Amino acid sequence: MKEEINQLIIQNLSDDIGMKASDAATYKALYEITQKQLNEILNLIESDEELKAKFEQVKGKMTNGNQQLHTSN
C-alpha cells in the first residue's frame, strides 16, 4: 500500500513538473516571438525619419496624458 502511494506521488509530481515545464517553454516562445516583432517595429520606426518623428509625437502625447491622470488622482 505504502509503495503504491509513493509511486502515485512520484507520478503526480512528474506530471506537475512536466506541465510546468511545458507552460514555461510556451511562455518563453511567446516572449521570444513578441521580442522579435517589437524589434522589427522599432527597426522600421528608426529607418524612417518621418515615422520616427510621428512616433515621438504620439509617445509624448501618451506620456503627458498618463502624467495628467496620475497628478489628478
Protein backbone atom coordinates (compact mmCIF):
# COMPACT_ATOMS: atom_id res chain seq x y z
CA MET A 1 0.00 0.00 0.00
CA LYS A 2 2.74 2.46 1.00
CA GLU A 3 4.73 1.62 -2.13
CA GLU A 4 1.66 2.25 -4.29
CA ILE A 5 1.12 5.63 -2.61
CA ASN A 6 4.76 6.55 -3.16
CA GLN A 7 4.52 5.59 -6.84
CA LEU A 8 1.39 7.71 -7.26
CA ILE A 9 3.06 10.64 -5.52
CA ILE A 10 6.06 10.35 -7.82
CA GLN A 11 3.81 10.08 -10.88
CA ASN A 12 1.76 13.13 -9.84
CA LEU A 13 4.87 15.17 -9.15
CA SER A 14 6.31 14.16 -12.52
CA ASP A 15 3.10 15.16 -14.26
CA ASP A 16 3.01 18.52 -12.46
CA ILE A 17 6.66 19.26 -13.25
CA GLY A 18 6.11 18.30 -16.88
CA MET A 19 3.12 20.62 -17.16
CA LYS A 20 5.03 23.50 -15.54
CA ALA A 21 7.99 22.94 -17.86
CA SER A 22 5.66 22.91 -20.86
CA ASP A 23 3.99 26.13 -19.70
CA ALA A 24 7.38 27.77 -19.15
CA ALA A 25 8.54 26.75 -22.64
CA THR A 26 5.34 28.13 -24.16
CA TYR A 27 5.70 31.47 -22.36
CA LYS A 28 9.36 31.69 -23.38
CA ALA A 29 8.46 31.05 -27.03
CA LEU A 30 5.72 33.69 -26.92
CA TYR A 31 8.14 36.14 -25.31
CA GLU A 32 10.78 35.49 -27.98
CA ILE A 33 8.26 35.96 -30.81
CA THR A 34 6.96 39.17 -29.23
CA GLN A 35 10.50 40.46 -28.74
CA LYS A 36 11.31 39.72 -32.40
CA GLN A 37 8.18 41.55 -33.56
CA LEU A 38 8.95 44.51 -31.31
CA ASN A 39 12.49 44.71 -32.68
CA GLU A 40 11.13 44.66 -36.23
CA ILE A 41 8.74 47.52 -35.41
CA LEU A 42 11.49 49.52 -33.72
CA ASN A 43 13.82 48.98 -36.69
CA LEU A 44 11.07 50.14 -39.04
CA ILE A 45 10.46 53.29 -36.98
CA GLU A 46 14.19 54.01 -36.76
CA SER A 47 14.62 53.61 -40.52
CA ASP A 48 12.12 56.37 -41.42
CA GLU A 49 12.68 59.86 -40.01
CA GLU A 50 9.12 60.99 -40.68
CA LEU A 51 7.70 57.91 -39.00
CA LYS A 52 10.11 58.33 -36.09
CA ALA A 53 9.02 61.94 -35.60
CA LYS A 54 5.35 60.90 -35.64
CA PHE A 55 6.07 58.11 -33.17
CA GLU A 56 7.82 60.53 -30.80
CA GLN A 57 4.90 62.96 -31.12
CA VAL A 58 2.34 60.30 -30.22
CA LYS A 59 4.57 58.92 -27.47
CA GLY A 60 4.81 62.42 -25.97
CA LYS A 61 1.03 62.79 -26.03
CA MET A 62 0.60 59.41 -24.35
CA THR A 63 3.19 60.23 -21.70
CA ASN A 64 1.64 63.62 -20.99
CA GLY A 65 -1.81 62.07 -20.79
CA ASN A 66 -0.59 59.48 -18.32
CA GLN A 67 1.11 62.14 -16.19
CA GLN A 68 -2.12 64.17 -16.12
CA LEU A 69 -4.04 61.09 -14.98
CA HIS A 70 -1.56 60.44 -12.16
CA THR A 71 -1.49 64.06 -10.95
CA SER A 72 -5.28 64.38 -10.89
CA ASN A 73 -5.69 61.42 -8.50
